[in-house]
Amino acid sequence: MPLDLPPGARPALLVLFGTGVVLGMTQSAVLAYLPLYGVQVVGLTAVAAGALVAAAQAGAAAARLGLGAASDRWLGGRRPPWLASSPR
């Protein structure tokens, strides 16, 4: 498959891109509003609110690793090629 295809010719790549955009938007919202919520509503100090954000990020990293391992187990290492790279 040549590289000069229009973007609509690669629906799997568009799905991957869209998923990344949604993940980035969600993560940005959490990073922006979680410390504000912690300080203004819950009554945390600024340092405790920062620790809350750090815990949320650590949880997200652990979840990605855990879900990747679960995917390896459930799918038996079989993945569609488009997950690793876009078609050439």
Protein backbone atom coordinates (compact mmCIF):
# COMPACT_ATOMS: atom_id res chain seq x y z
CA MET A 1 0.00 0.00 0.00
CA PRO A 2 1.63 3.31 -1.02
CA LEU A 3 2.16 6.06 1.55
CA ASP A 4 0.43 8.74 -0.52
CA LEU A 5 -3.09 7.53 0.28
CA PRO A 6 -5.59 10.06 1.57
CA PRO A 7 -6.27 9.85 5.33
CA GLY A 8 -9.74 8.36 4.77
CA ALA A 9 -8.16 5.33 3.13
CA ARG A 10 -6.74 4.21 6.48
CA PRO A 11 -9.73 3.88 8.81
CA ALA A 12 -7.76 1.96 11.43
CA LEU A 13 -5.23 4.79 11.67
CA LEU A 14 -8.05 7.32 12.03
CA VAL A 15 -9.55 5.29 14.88
CA LEU A 16 -6.17 5.12 16.59
CA PHE A 17 -5.69 8.88 16.16
CA GLY A 18 -9.19 9.66 17.45
CA THR A 19 -8.71 7.47 20.49
CA GLY A 20 -5.44 9.25 21.27
CA VAL A 21 -7.11 12.64 20.98
CA VAL A 22 -9.90 11.63 23.37
CA LEU A 23 -7.38 10.21 25.85
CA GLY A 24 -5.32 13.40 25.70
CA MET A 25 -8.36 15.62 26.22
CA THR A 26 -9.52 13.57 29.19
CA GLN A 27 -6.08 13.54 30.76
CA SER A 28 -5.75 17.30 30.29
CA ALA A 29 -9.09 17.89 31.98
CA VAL A 30 -8.12 15.72 34.95
CA LEU A 31 -4.76 17.46 35.30
CA ALA A 32 -6.41 20.89 35.16
CA TYR A 33 -9.39 20.38 37.44
CA LEU A 34 -8.38 17.70 39.95
CA PRO A 35 -6.07 19.97 41.98
CA LEU A 36 -8.63 22.79 41.91
CA TYR A 37 -11.32 20.41 43.15
CA GLY A 38 -9.00 19.12 45.85
CA VAL A 39 -8.18 22.60 47.15
CA GLN A 40 -11.55 24.35 46.75
CA VAL A 41 -14.05 21.59 47.52
CA VAL A 42 -12.23 18.98 49.58
CA GLY A 43 -10.07 21.48 51.45
CA LEU A 44 -6.65 19.99 50.66
CA THR A 45 -3.46 21.98 50.79
CA ALA A 46 -1.71 22.73 47.52
CA VAL A 47 0.91 20.08 48.30
CA ALA A 48 -1.76 17.46 49.03
CA ALA A 49 -3.57 18.38 45.81
CA GLY A 50 -0.31 17.89 43.92
CA ALA A 51 0.08 14.49 45.56
CA LEU A 52 -3.47 13.67 44.43
CA VAL A 53 -2.53 14.48 40.83
CA ALA A 54 0.64 12.39 41.14
CA ALA A 55 -1.40 9.46 42.49
CA ALA A 56 -3.85 9.80 39.59
CA GLN A 57 -0.99 9.74 37.08
CA ALA A 58 0.63 6.74 38.79
CA GLY A 59 -2.71 4.93 38.71
CA ALA A 60 -3.12 5.68 35.02
CA ALA A 61 0.38 4.37 34.25
CA ALA A 62 -0.25 1.20 36.26
CA ALA A 63 -3.59 0.69 34.51
CA ARG A 64 -1.97 0.98 31.06
CA LEU A 65 0.68 -1.57 32.00
CA GLY A 66 -1.89 -3.90 33.56
CA LEU A 67 -4.27 -3.68 30.63
CA GLY A 68 -1.39 -4.27 28.22
CA ALA A 69 -0.46 -7.43 30.11
CA ALA A 70 -4.11 -8.52 30.16
CA SER A 71 -4.32 -7.90 26.41
CA ASP A 72 -1.26 -10.09 25.87
CA ARG A 73 -2.86 -12.83 27.93
CA TRP A 74 -6.37 -12.61 26.42
CA LEU A 75 -5.28 -12.20 22.81
CA GLY A 76 -2.37 -14.62 23.07
CA GLY A 77 0.03 -12.15 21.45
CA ARG A 78 -2.08 -11.93 18.28
CA ARG A 79 -2.53 -8.34 17.21
CA PRO A 80 -3.66 -6.76 13.99
CA PRO A 81 -0.62 -5.29 12.22
CA TRP A 82 -2.09 -1.77 12.22
CA LEU A 83 -1.73 -1.59 16.00
CA ALA A 84 2.05 -1.48 15.67
CA SER A 85 2.36 0.80 12.67
CA SER A 86 0.47 2.30 9.80
CA PRO A 87 0.48 0.32 6.57
CA ARG A 88 3.14 1.10 3.99
